[in-house]
């Protein structure tokens, strides 16, 4: 056997997740179906760059054993189509402009669909479940500062907003939704561990926002906050799980941008995105945050907390 092939086999045999803990089955107490006590979520994003129309934060979660099986199949799919693991980038495969770039430049539709079919099979063959949360940035920016503070983690107590939130970071809202949805599948006493790509700018944002969620006031339930486990930053070019999250992020971005252009956010996913979402647990694991849903959120807070913004001339001033 050639030395290179032996090294590749050895690397795959020795590959481990960053957090290698035994997972047990429990009966969750929050209304979800039975799920692993220790789960791992792999998260990626698109749209935190200047000029983006939408920001998407999404990924997959599941137990360690399911992730191992997935990783075996993902690597096998890339090998089958002669794609080196480190050359896989969803942006190059899916493309923002409908064209394929980088390693995938010149690929035919037949090659593309064959690879996508095998990758989708790797994702859906095991108990790996998706979450996708997106926000329309212009819609977020159209709201006054005090509302944007609330959308990004500030709380209402005693009829007043009591902390600053992250009003200039629209991606905090889908990030918060994504983390909360995944953590909700870990029962009280269990943990959800999260992995983000270190080789992308999102890594530093993820670390800062995760700290806010874990230690700040944005999750009022201490029991829920205690489900948030460790975070780690493996390289996406070496981590099939993050590559799957990357693929989901770009497919979701295409869907949301199409819905934005059509002015209709109710159209269901189709094509490869639909295939990747078949293991969705509940509808709430996916959301598109746009003007109507943001306005409805504010209306509901008024219903429960009254006019918490204060006098009109104070509505754009932070505490």
C-alpha atoms as a PDB file:
ATOM      1  CA  UNK A   1       0.000   0.000   0.000  1.00  0.00           C
ATOM      2  CA  UNK A   2       1.424   3.442  -0.886  1.00  0.00           C
ATOM      3  CA  UNK A   3       2.707   5.466   2.073  1.00  0.00           C
ATOM      4  CA  UNK A   4       0.272   8.313   1.357  1.00  0.00           C
ATOM      5  CA  UNK A   5      -2.715   5.980   1.440  1.00  0.00           C
ATOM      6  CA  UNK A   6      -1.502   4.492   4.738  1.00  0.00           C
ATOM      7  CA  UNK A   7      -1.218   7.971   6.248  1.00  0.00           C
ATOM      8  CA  UNK A   8      -4.726   8.876   5.077  1.00  0.00           C
ATOM      9  CA  UNK A   9      -6.194   5.721   6.599  1.00  0.00           C
ATOM     10  CA  UNK A  10      -4.323   6.289   9.849  1.00  0.00           C
ATOM     11  CA  UNK A  11      -5.545   9.883  10.041  1.00  0.00           C
ATOM     12  CA  UNK A  12      -9.141   8.809   9.577  1.00  0.00           C
ATOM     13  CA  UNK A  13      -8.810   5.997  12.093  1.00  0.00           C
ATOM     14  CA  UNK A  14      -7.415   8.380  14.704  1.00  0.00           C
ATOM     15  CA  UNK A  15      -9.885  11.197  13.960  1.00  0.00           C
ATOM     16  CA  UNK A  16     -11.901  12.169  17.028  1.00  0.00           C
ATOM     17  CA  UNK A  17     -14.338  14.878  17.921  1.00  0.00           C
ATOM     18  CA  UNK A  18     -12.875  17.585  20.135  1.00  0.00           C
ATOM     19  CA  UNK A  19     -15.161  16.622  23.000  1.00  0.00           C
ATOM     20  CA  UNK A  20     -15.167  12.857  23.430  1.00  0.00           C
ATOM     21  CA  UNK A  21     -17.711  12.027  26.107  1.00  0.00           C
ATOM     22  CA  UNK A  22     -20.089   9.130  26.556  1.00  0.00           C
ATOM     23  CA  UNK A  23     -23.659  10.094  25.689  1.00  0.00           C
ATOM     24  CA  UNK A  24     -26.675   8.541  27.406  1.00  0.00           C
ATOM     25  CA  UNK A  25     -30.340   8.402  26.482  1.00  0.00           C
ATOM     26  CA  UNK A  26     -32.802  10.217  28.727  1.00  0.00           C
ATOM     27  CA  UNK A  27     -36.413  11.308  28.690  1.00  0.00           C
ATOM     28  CA  UNK A  28     -36.376  15.082  28.111  1.00  0.00           C
ATOM     29  CA  UNK A  29     -38.506  17.307  30.303  1.00  0.00           C
ATOM     30  CA  UNK A  30     -39.189  20.118  27.860  1.00  0.00           C
ATOM     31  CA  UNK A  31     -41.625  18.460  25.463  1.00  0.00           C
ATOM     32  CA  UNK A  32     -39.147  17.190  22.885  1.00  0.00           C
ATOM     33  CA  UNK A  33     -38.833  13.593  21.878  1.00  0.00           C
ATOM     34  CA  UNK A  34     -36.214  11.482  23.601  1.00  0.00           C
ATOM     35  CA  UNK A  35     -32.791  12.794  22.686  1.00  0.00           C
ATOM     36  CA  UNK A  36     -29.184  12.295  23.761  1.00  0.00           C
ATOM     37  CA  UNK A  37     -28.133  13.818  27.092  1.00  0.00           C
ATOM     38  CA  UNK A  38     -24.892  15.001  25.518  1.00  0.00           C
ATOM     39  CA  UNK A  39     -25.296  16.479  22.061  1.00  0.00           C
ATOM     40  CA  UNK A  40     -22.910  18.225  19.718  1.00  0.00           C
ATOM     41  CA  UNK A  41     -23.886  21.095  17.442  1.00  0.00           C
ATOM     42  CA  UNK A  42     -21.823  22.263  14.485  1.00  0.00           C
ATOM     43  CA  UNK A  43     -22.641  25.832  13.492  1.00  0.00           C
ATOM     44  CA  UNK A  44     -21.758  28.058  10.533  1.00  0.00           C
ATOM     45  CA  UNK A  45     -22.969  31.320   9.044  1.00  0.00           C
ATOM     46  CA  UNK A  46     -23.255  33.446   5.959  1.00  0.00           C
ATOM     47  CA  UNK A  47     -23.908  37.165   5.755  1.00  0.00           C
ATOM     48  CA  UNK A  48     -21.905  38.805   8.547  1.00  0.00           C
ATOM     49  CA  UNK A  49     -19.906  40.711   5.918  1.00  0.00           C
ATOM     50  CA  UNK A  50     -20.588  44.323   4.950  1.00  0.00           C
ATOM     51  CA  UNK A  51     -23.338  44.692   2.355  1.00  0.00           C
ATOM     52  CA  UNK A  52     -25.024  41.347   3.005  1.00  0.00           C
ATOM     53  CA  UNK A  53     -28.804  41.310   2.537  1.00  0.00           C
ATOM     54  CA  UNK A  54     -29.470  38.420   4.876  1.00  0.00           C
ATOM     55  CA  UNK A  55     -27.555  36.725   7.649  1.00  0.00           C
ATOM     56  CA  UNK A  56     -27.986  32.998   8.217  1.00  0.00           C
ATOM     57  CA  UNK A  57     -26.788  31.036  11.223  1.00  0.00           C
ATOM     58  CA  UNK A  58     -27.445  27.330  11.023  1.00  0.00           C
ATOM     59  CA  UNK A  59     -26.089  23.860  11.506  1.00  0.00           C
ATOM     60  CA  UNK A  60     -26.777  20.323  12.642  1.00  0.00           C
ATOM     61  CA  UNK A  61     -26.853  18.614  16.020  1.00  0.00           C
ATOM     62  CA  UNK A  62     -26.761  15.021  17.158  1.00  0.00           C
ATOM     63  CA  UNK A  63     -25.017  12.497  19.354  1.00  0.00           C
ATOM     64  CA  UNK A  64     -21.368  11.615  19.125  1.00  0.00           C
ATOM     65  CA  UNK A  65     -22.018   8.153  17.691  1.00  0.00           C
ATOM     66  CA  UNK A  66     -24.243   9.545  14.920  1.00  0.00           C
ATOM     67  CA  UNK A  67     -21.609  12.117  14.054  1.00  0.00           C
ATOM     68  CA  UNK A  68     -18.981   9.411  13.685  1.00  0.00           C
ATOM     69  CA  UNK A  69     -21.146   7.525  11.198  1.00  0.00           C
ATOM     70  CA  UNK A  70     -21.888  10.731   9.327  1.00  0.00           C
ATOM     71  CA  UNK A  71     -18.200  11.609   9.109  1.00  0.00           C
ATOM     72  CA  UNK A  72     -17.396   8.215   7.592  1.00  0.00           C
ATOM     73  CA  UNK A  73     -20.040   8.678   4.888  1.00  0.00           C
ATOM     74  CA  UNK A  74     -19.130  12.319   4.165  1.00  0.00           C
ATOM     75  CA  UNK A  75     -15.486  11.439   3.630  1.00  0.00           C
ATOM     76  CA  UNK A  76     -16.503   8.476   1.451  1.00  0.00           C
ATOM     77  CA  UNK A  77     -18.724  10.740  -0.673  1.00  0.00           C
ATOM     78  CA  UNK A  78     -15.903  13.201  -1.281  1.00  0.00           C
ATOM     79  CA  UNK A  79     -13.502  10.369  -2.084  1.00  0.00           C
ATOM     80  CA  UNK A  80     -15.990   8.899  -4.543  1.00  0.00           C
ATOM     81  CA  UNK A  81     -16.069  12.174  -6.470  1.00  0.00           C
ATOM     82  CA  UNK A  82     -12.324  12.831  -6.113  1.00  0.00           C
ATOM     83  CA  UNK A  83     -12.801  15.908  -3.936  1.00  0.00           C
ATOM     84  CA  UNK A  84     -10.053  16.381  -1.320  1.00  0.00           C
ATOM     85  CA  UNK A  85     -11.524  17.151   2.099  1.00  0.00           C
ATOM     86  CA  UNK A  86      -9.617  20.424   2.383  1.00  0.00           C
ATOM     87  CA  UNK A  87     -10.920  21.579  -1.034  1.00  0.00           C
ATOM     88  CA  UNK A  88     -14.579  21.434  -0.074  1.00  0.00           C
ATOM     89  CA  UNK A  89     -16.090  24.890   0.311  1.00  0.00           C
ATOM     90  CA  UNK A  90     -19.842  25.227  -0.056  1.00  0.00           C
ATOM     91  CA  UNK A  91     -19.539  28.706  -1.568  1.00  0.00           C
ATOM     92  CA  UNK A  92     -17.444  27.282  -4.408  1.00  0.00           C
ATOM     93  CA  UNK A  93     -19.839  24.391  -4.938  1.00  0.00           C
ATOM     94  CA  UNK A  94     -23.175  26.206  -4.606  1.00  0.00           C
ATOM     95  CA  UNK A  95     -22.082  29.717  -5.599  1.00  0.00           C
ATOM     96  CA  UNK A  96     -23.753  33.046  -4.881  1.00  0.00           C
ATOM     97  CA  UNK A  97     -24.038  33.797  -8.605  1.00  0.00           C
ATOM     98  CA  UNK A  98     -25.325  30.415  -9.757  1.00  0.00           C
ATOM     99  CA  UNK A  99     -21.844  29.436 -10.949  1.00  0.00           C
ATOM    100  CA  UNK A 100     -19.303  27.042  -9.464  1.00  0.00           C
ATOM    101  CA  UNK A 101     -15.857  28.290  -8.500  1.00  0.00           C
ATOM    102  CA  UNK A 102     -12.512  27.172  -7.140  1.00  0.00           C
ATOM    103  CA  UNK A 103     -12.041  23.413  -7.124  1.00  0.00           C
ATOM    104  CA  UNK A 104     -15.527  22.989  -8.630  1.00  0.00           C
ATOM    105  CA  UNK A 105     -15.034  25.369 -11.546  1.00  0.00           C
ATOM    106  CA  UNK A 106     -16.072  23.668 -14.760  1.00  0.00           C
ATOM    107  CA  UNK A 107     -18.107  20.952 -13.079  1.00  0.00           C
ATOM    108  CA  UNK A 108     -21.167  19.884 -15.018  1.00  0.00           C
ATOM    109  CA  UNK A 109     -24.660  19.811 -13.522  1.00  0.00           C
ATOM    110  CA  UNK A 110     -24.437  16.029 -13.605  1.00  0.00           C
ATOM    111  CA  UNK A 111     -21.278  16.052 -11.476  1.00  0.00           C
ATOM    112  CA  UNK A 112     -22.804  18.609  -9.113  1.00  0.00           C
ATOM    113  CA  UNK A 113     -26.027  16.657  -8.605  1.00  0.00           C
ATOM    114  CA  UNK A 114     -24.192  13.367  -8.129  1.00  0.00           C
ATOM    115  CA  UNK A 115     -22.015  14.831  -5.372  1.00  0.00           C
ATOM    116  CA  UNK A 116     -24.930  16.645  -3.752  1.00  0.00           C
ATOM    117  CA  UNK A 117     -26.942  13.440  -3.703  1.00  0.00           C
ATOM    118  CA  UNK A 118     -24.204  11.598  -1.828  1.00  0.00           C
ATOM    119  CA  UNK A 119     -23.627  14.469   0.604  1.00  0.00           C
ATOM    120  CA  UNK A 120     -27.348  14.769   1.326  1.00  0.00           C
ATOM    121  CA  UNK A 121     -27.464  11.023   1.950  1.00  0.00           C
ATOM    122  CA  UNK A 122     -24.615  11.339   4.461  1.00  0.00           C
ATOM    123  CA  UNK A 123     -26.542  14.078   6.276  1.00  0.00           C
ATOM    124  CA  UNK A 124     -29.921  12.373   6.343  1.00  0.00           C
ATOM    125  CA  UNK A 125     -28.945   8.741   6.920  1.00  0.00           C
ATOM    126  CA  UNK A 126     -28.348   9.297  10.618  1.00  0.00           C
ATOM    127  CA  UNK A 127     -29.954  11.159  13.512  1.00  0.00           C
ATOM    128  CA  UNK A 128     -28.370  14.478  12.626  1.00  0.00           C
ATOM    129  CA  UNK A 129     -30.969  17.238  12.832  1.00  0.00           C
ATOM    130  CA  UNK A 130     -30.884  20.704  11.246  1.00  0.00           C
ATOM    131  CA  UNK A 131     -31.589  24.168  12.614  1.00  0.00           C
ATOM    132  CA  UNK A 132     -31.683  27.234  10.374  1.00  0.00           C
ATOM    133  CA  UNK A 133     -32.270  30.826  11.451  1.00  0.00           C
ATOM    134  CA  UNK A 134     -31.986  33.866   9.219  1.00  0.00           C
ATOM    135  CA  UNK A 135     -32.560  37.597   9.503  1.00  0.00           C
ATOM    136  CA  UNK A 136     -33.216  40.213   6.814  1.00  0.00           C
ATOM    137  CA  UNK A 137     -30.661  42.860   7.706  1.00  0.00           C
ATOM    138  CA  UNK A 138     -32.458  45.884   6.194  1.00  0.00           C
ATOM    139  CA  UNK A 139     -35.613  44.971   8.097  1.00  0.00           C
ATOM    140  CA  UNK A 140     -33.672  44.714  11.352  1.00  0.00           C
ATOM    141  CA  UNK A 141     -31.947  48.044  10.708  1.00  0.00           C
ATOM    142  CA  UNK A 142     -35.294  49.771  10.054  1.00  0.00           C
ATOM    143  CA  UNK A 143     -36.299  49.485  13.715  1.00  0.00           C
ATOM    144  CA  UNK A 144     -35.285  52.057  16.347  1.00  0.00           C
ATOM    145  CA  UNK A 145     -32.317  51.397  18.573  1.00  0.00           C
ATOM    146  CA  UNK A 146     -34.318  50.428  21.621  1.00  0.00           C
ATOM    147  CA  UNK A 147     -36.149  47.732  19.642  1.00  0.00           C
ATOM    148  CA  UNK A 148     -32.898  46.427  18.159  1.00  0.00           C
ATOM    149  CA  UNK A 149     -31.540  46.168  21.693  1.00  0.00           C
ATOM    150  CA  UNK A 150     -34.472  43.940  22.603  1.00  0.00           C
ATOM    151  CA  UNK A 151     -34.106  41.820  19.446  1.00  0.00           C
ATOM    152  CA  UNK A 152     -30.476  41.119  20.358  1.00  0.00           C
ATOM    153  CA  UNK A 153     -30.732  40.060  23.971  1.00  0.00           C
ATOM    154  CA  UNK A 154     -31.853  42.984  26.137  1.00  0.00           C
ATOM    155  CA  UNK A 155     -34.581  42.150  28.655  1.00  0.00           C
ATOM    156  CA  UNK A 156     -37.736  43.864  29.835  1.00  0.00           C
ATOM    157  CA  UNK A 157     -38.122  43.963  33.600  1.00  0.00           C
ATOM    158  CA  UNK A 158     -40.709  45.908  35.481  1.00  0.00           C
ATOM    159  CA  UNK A 159     -41.908  47.515  32.292  1.00  0.00           C
ATOM    160  CA  UNK A 160     -38.464  48.847  31.321  1.00  0.00           C
ATOM    161  CA  UNK A 161     -35.571  47.625  29.203  1.00  0.00           C
ATOM    162  CA  UNK A 162     -32.688  46.886  31.540  1.00  0.00           C
ATOM    163  CA  UNK A 163     -29.570  46.125  29.497  1.00  0.00           C
ATOM    164  CA  UNK A 164     -27.967  47.063  26.211  1.00  0.00           C
ATOM    165  CA  UNK A 165     -28.257  43.998  23.975  1.00  0.00           C
ATOM    166  CA  UNK A 166     -26.225  44.040  20.741  1.00  0.00           C
ATOM    167  CA  UNK A 167     -28.214  46.542  18.612  1.00  0.00           C
ATOM    168  CA  UNK A 168     -25.571  46.866  15.886  1.00  0.00           C
ATOM    169  CA  UNK A 169     -25.139  43.125  15.424  1.00  0.00           C
ATOM    170  CA  UNK A 170     -28.174  41.728  13.573  1.00  0.00           C
ATOM    171  CA  UNK A 171     -26.532  38.298  13.399  1.00  0.00           C
ATOM    172  CA  UNK A 172     -26.922  37.994  17.176  1.00  0.00           C
ATOM    173  CA  UNK A 173     -30.653  37.310  16.748  1.00  0.00           C
ATOM    174  CA  UNK A 174     -30.349  34.209  14.494  1.00  0.00           C
ATOM    175  CA  UNK A 175     -27.273  33.109  16.458  1.00  0.00           C
ATOM    176  CA  UNK A 176     -29.240  33.256  19.698  1.00  0.00           C
ATOM    177  CA  UNK A 177     -32.149  31.353  18.130  1.00  0.00           C
ATOM    178  CA  UNK A 178     -29.822  28.665  16.802  1.00  0.00           C
ATOM    179  CA  UNK A 179     -28.047  28.114  20.131  1.00  0.00           C
ATOM    180  CA  UNK A 180     -31.296  28.110  22.090  1.00  0.00           C
ATOM    181  CA  UNK A 181     -32.987  25.622  19.766  1.00  0.00           C
ATOM    182  CA  UNK A 182     -30.100  23.160  19.901  1.00  0.00           C
ATOM    183  CA  UNK A 183     -29.645  23.520  23.665  1.00  0.00           C
ATOM    184  CA  UNK A 184     -33.377  22.901  24.150  1.00  0.00           C
ATOM    185  CA  UNK A 185     -32.835  19.328  22.971  1.00  0.00           C
ATOM    186  CA  UNK A 186     -30.445  18.659  25.841  1.00  0.00           C
ATOM    187  CA  UNK A 187     -32.560  17.887  28.915  1.00  0.00           C
ATOM    188  CA  UNK A 188     -31.935  19.409  32.315  1.00  0.00           C
ATOM    189  CA  UNK A 189     -28.724  17.819  33.491  1.00  0.00           C
ATOM    190  CA  UNK A 190     -27.487  17.311  29.919  1.00  0.00           C
ATOM    191  CA  UNK A 191     -25.193  19.468  27.836  1.00  0.00           C
ATOM    192  CA  UNK A 192     -25.045  20.804  24.306  1.00  0.00           C
ATOM    193  CA  UNK A 193     -21.499  21.362  23.088  1.00  0.00           C
ATOM    194  CA  UNK A 194     -20.878  23.645  20.119  1.00  0.00           C
ATOM    195  CA  UNK A 195     -18.258  23.755  17.380  1.00  0.00           C
ATOM    196  CA  UNK A 196     -17.516  26.732  15.136  1.00  0.00           C
ATOM    197  CA  UNK A 197     -15.006  27.123  12.319  1.00  0.00           C
ATOM    198  CA  UNK A 198     -11.787  28.755  13.567  1.00  0.00           C
ATOM    199  CA  UNK A 199     -10.617  29.503  10.025  1.00  0.00           C
ATOM    200  CA  UNK A 200     -13.443  32.001   9.480  1.00  0.00           C
ATOM    201  CA  UNK A 201     -14.169  35.457  10.972  1.00  0.00           C
ATOM    202  CA  UNK A 202     -17.301  33.986  12.486  1.00  0.00           C
ATOM    203  CA  UNK A 203     -15.142  32.261  15.106  1.00  0.00           C
ATOM    204  CA  UNK A 204     -14.388  35.399  17.121  1.00  0.00           C
ATOM    205  CA  UNK A 205     -18.006  36.555  16.928  1.00  0.00           C
ATOM    206  CA  UNK A 206     -19.250  33.137  17.992  1.00  0.00           C
ATOM    207  CA  UNK A 207     -16.981  33.093  21.045  1.00  0.00           C
ATOM    208  CA  UNK A 208     -18.090  36.555  22.177  1.00  0.00           C
ATOM    209  CA  UNK A 209     -21.791  35.958  21.586  1.00  0.00           C
ATOM    210  CA  UNK A 210     -21.708  32.538  23.216  1.00  0.00           C
ATOM    211  CA  UNK A 211     -20.161  34.075  26.328  1.00  0.00           C
ATOM    212  CA  UNK A 212     -22.986  36.613  26.441  1.00  0.00           C
ATOM    213  CA  UNK A 213     -25.573  33.843  26.184  1.00  0.00           C
ATOM    214  CA  UNK A 214     -23.906  31.663  28.791  1.00  0.00           C
ATOM    215  CA  UNK A 215     -23.120  34.322  31.388  1.00  0.00           C
ATOM    216  CA  UNK A 216     -25.348  37.281  30.575  1.00  0.00           C
ATOM    217  CA  UNK A 217     -29.019  37.984  31.209  1.00  0.00           C
ATOM    218  CA  UNK A 218     -30.296  36.995  27.755  1.00  0.00           C
ATOM    219  CA  UNK A 219     -31.337  33.503  28.890  1.00  0.00           C
ATOM    220  CA  UNK A 220     -33.378  34.058  32.022  1.00  0.00           C
ATOM    221  CA  UNK A 221     -33.697  30.385  32.909  1.00  0.00           C
ATOM    222  CA  UNK A 222     -30.640  29.263  34.872  1.00  0.00           C
ATOM    223  CA  UNK A 223     -31.568  25.627  34.204  1.00  0.00           C
ATOM    224  CA  UNK A 224     -31.595  26.317  30.466  1.00  0.00           C
ATOM    225  CA  UNK A 225     -28.320  28.204  30.588  1.00  0.00           C
ATOM    226  CA  UNK A 226     -26.727  25.278  32.374  1.00  0.00           C
ATOM    227  CA  UNK A 227     -27.377  23.137  29.296  1.00  0.00           C
ATOM    228  CA  UNK A 228     -24.839  25.195  27.360  1.00  0.00           C
ATOM    229  CA  UNK A 229     -21.637  23.184  27.334  1.00  0.00           C
ATOM    230  CA  UNK A 230     -18.180  23.795  25.931  1.00  0.00           C
ATOM    231  CA  UNK A 231     -17.289  25.420  22.626  1.00  0.00           C
ATOM    232  CA  UNK A 232     -14.404  24.568  20.335  1.00  0.00           C
ATOM    233  CA  UNK A 233     -13.045  25.823  17.016  1.00  0.00           C
ATOM    234  CA  UNK A 234     -11.831  23.023  14.746  1.00  0.00           C
ATOM    235  CA  UNK A 235     -10.723  23.873  11.220  1.00  0.00           C
ATOM    236  CA  UNK A 236     -13.560  23.542   8.720  1.00  0.00           C
ATOM    237  CA  UNK A 237     -11.166  22.185   6.097  1.00  0.00           C
ATOM    238  CA  UNK A 238     -10.507  19.230   8.413  1.00  0.00           C
ATOM    239  CA  UNK A 239     -13.998  18.782   9.861  1.00  0.00           C
ATOM    240  CA  UNK A 240     -16.793  17.185   7.788  1.00  0.00           C
ATOM    241  CA  UNK A 241     -19.394  18.242  10.361  1.00  0.00           C
ATOM    242  CA  UNK A 242     -18.578  21.918   9.832  1.00  0.00           C
ATOM    243  CA  UNK A 243     -18.552  21.395   6.076  1.00  0.00           C
ATOM    244  CA  UNK A 244     -22.112  20.092   6.296  1.00  0.00           C
ATOM    245  CA  UNK A 245     -23.098  23.181   8.300  1.00  0.00           C
ATOM    246  CA  UNK A 246     -21.372  25.347   5.686  1.00  0.00           C
ATOM    247  CA  UNK A 247     -23.365  23.672   2.917  1.00  0.00           C
ATOM    248  CA  UNK A 248     -26.618  24.144   4.825  1.00  0.00           C
ATOM    249  CA  UNK A 249     -25.803  27.822   5.379  1.00  0.00           C
ATOM    250  CA  UNK A 250     -25.373  28.559   1.666  1.00  0.00           C
ATOM    251  CA  UNK A 251     -28.417  26.551   0.624  1.00  0.00           C
ATOM    252  CA  UNK A 252     -30.475  28.394   3.239  1.00  0.00           C
ATOM    253  CA  UNK A 253     -29.103  31.745   2.121  1.00  0.00           C
ATOM    254  CA  UNK A 254     -30.171  31.034  -1.462  1.00  0.00           C
ATOM    255  CA  UNK A 255     -33.660  30.145  -0.249  1.00  0.00           C
ATOM    256  CA  UNK A 256     -34.045  33.257   1.930  1.00  0.00           C
ATOM    257  CA  UNK A 257     -32.734  35.581  -0.787  1.00  0.00           C
ATOM    258  CA  UNK A 258     -35.193  34.079  -3.274  1.00  0.00           C
ATOM    259  CA  UNK A 259     -38.022  34.595  -0.788  1.00  0.00           C
ATOM    260  CA  UNK A 260     -36.871  38.175  -0.170  1.00  0.00           C
ATOM    261  CA  UNK A 261     -36.838  38.950  -3.901  1.00  0.00           C
ATOM    262  CA  UNK A 262     -40.304  37.434  -4.306  1.00  0.00           C
ATOM    263  CA  UNK A 263     -41.661  39.245  -1.244  1.00  0.00           C
ATOM    264  CA  UNK A 264     -43.021  35.973   0.112  1.00  0.00           C
ATOM    265  CA  UNK A 265     -41.419  34.246   3.084  1.00  0.00           C
ATOM    266  CA  UNK A 266     -44.012  31.483   3.297  1.00  0.00           C
ATOM    267  CA  UNK A 267     -42.810  29.389   0.375  1.00  0.00           C
ATOM    268  CA  UNK A 268     -41.396  26.065   1.616  1.00  0.00           C
ATOM    269  CA  UNK A 269     -37.846  24.935   0.850  1.00  0.00           C
ATOM    270  CA  UNK A 270     -37.299  22.816  -2.231  1.00  0.00           C
ATOM    271  CA  UNK A 271     -34.497  20.973  -3.999  1.00  0.00           C
ATOM    272  CA  UNK A 272     -31.320  20.146  -2.105  1.00  0.00           C
ATOM    273  CA  UNK A 273     -32.242  22.332   0.854  1.00  0.00           C
ATOM    274  CA  UNK A 274     -35.448  20.369   1.304  1.00  0.00           C
ATOM    275  CA  UNK A 275     -33.413  17.153   1.216  1.00  0.00           C
ATOM    276  CA  UNK A 276     -31.066  18.414   3.923  1.00  0.00           C
ATOM    277  CA  UNK A 277     -33.973  19.364   6.207  1.00  0.00           C
ATOM    278  CA  UNK A 278     -35.803  16.031   6.266  1.00  0.00           C
ATOM    279  CA  UNK A 279     -34.688  15.242   9.824  1.00  0.00           C
ATOM    280  CA  UNK A 280     -36.171  18.433  11.249  1.00  0.00           C
ATOM    281  CA  UNK A 281     -37.781  17.832  14.636  1.00  0.00           C
ATOM    282  CA  UNK A 282     -40.258  20.734  14.802  1.00  0.00           C
ATOM    283  CA  UNK A 283     -41.090  23.786  12.703  1.00  0.00           C
ATOM    284  CA  UNK A 284     -39.650  26.142  15.356  1.00  0.00           C
ATOM    285  CA  UNK A 285     -36.163  24.834  14.563  1.00  0.00           C
ATOM    286  CA  UNK A 286     -36.252  27.116  11.501  1.00  0.00           C
ATOM    287  CA  UNK A 287     -37.093  30.800  11.206  1.00  0.00           C
ATOM    288  CA  UNK A 288     -36.751  33.807   8.936  1.00  0.00           C
ATOM    289  CA  UNK A 289     -36.736  37.009  10.958  1.00  0.00           C
ATOM    290  CA  UNK A 290     -38.158  39.831   8.830  1.00  0.00           C
ATOM    291  CA  UNK A 291     -40.105  43.053   9.282  1.00  0.00           C
ATOM    292  CA  UNK A 292     -43.486  41.463   9.969  1.00  0.00           C
ATOM    293  CA  UNK A 293     -42.176  38.994  12.531  1.00  0.00           C
ATOM    294  CA  UNK A 294     -40.097  41.672  14.246  1.00  0.00           C
ATOM    295  CA  UNK A 295     -43.117  43.984  14.450  1.00  0.00           C
ATOM    296  CA  UNK A 296     -45.232  41.168  15.860  1.00  0.00           C
ATOM    297  CA  UNK A 297     -42.597  40.514  18.509  1.00  0.00           C
ATOM    298  CA  UNK A 298     -42.760  44.151  19.631  1.00  0.00           C
ATOM    299  CA  UNK A 299     -46.569  44.063  19.631  1.00  0.00           C
ATOM    300  CA  UNK A 300     -46.564  41.023  21.896  1.00  0.00           C
ATOM    301  CA  UNK A 301     -44.176  42.690  24.330  1.00  0.00           C
ATOM    302  CA  UNK A 302     -46.563  45.637  24.573  1.00  0.00           C
ATOM    303  CA  UNK A 303     -49.383  43.218  25.249  1.00  0.00           C
ATOM    304  CA  UNK A 304     -47.540  41.668  28.168  1.00  0.00           C
ATOM    305  CA  UNK A 305     -45.332  44.517  29.437  1.00  0.00           C
ATOM    306  CA  UNK A 306     -47.042  47.730  28.361  1.00  0.00           C
ATOM    307  CA  UNK A 307     -45.221  50.696  26.835  1.00  0.00           C
ATOM    308  CA  UNK A 308     -41.762  49.619  27.971  1.00  0.00           C
ATOM    309  CA  UNK A 309     -39.914  51.985  25.606  1.00  0.00           C
ATOM    310  CA  UNK A 310     -40.678  55.045  27.720  1.00  0.00           C
ATOM    311  CA  UNK A 311     -41.331  58.575  26.417  1.00  0.00           C
ATOM    312  CA  UNK A 312     -41.047  59.103  22.676  1.00  0.00           C
ATOM    313  CA  UNK A 313     -37.921  61.248  22.989  1.00  0.00           C
ATOM    314  CA  UNK A 314     -36.104  58.450  24.864  1.00  0.00           C
ATOM    315  CA  UNK A 315     -36.838  55.585  22.492  1.00  0.00           C
ATOM    316  CA  UNK A 316     -33.528  55.789  20.645  1.00  0.00           C
ATOM    317  CA  UNK A 317     -31.356  56.287  23.718  1.00  0.00           C
ATOM    318  CA  UNK A 318     -29.555  53.400  25.430  1.00  0.00           C
ATOM    319  CA  UNK A 319     -29.680  53.060  29.192  1.00  0.00           C
END
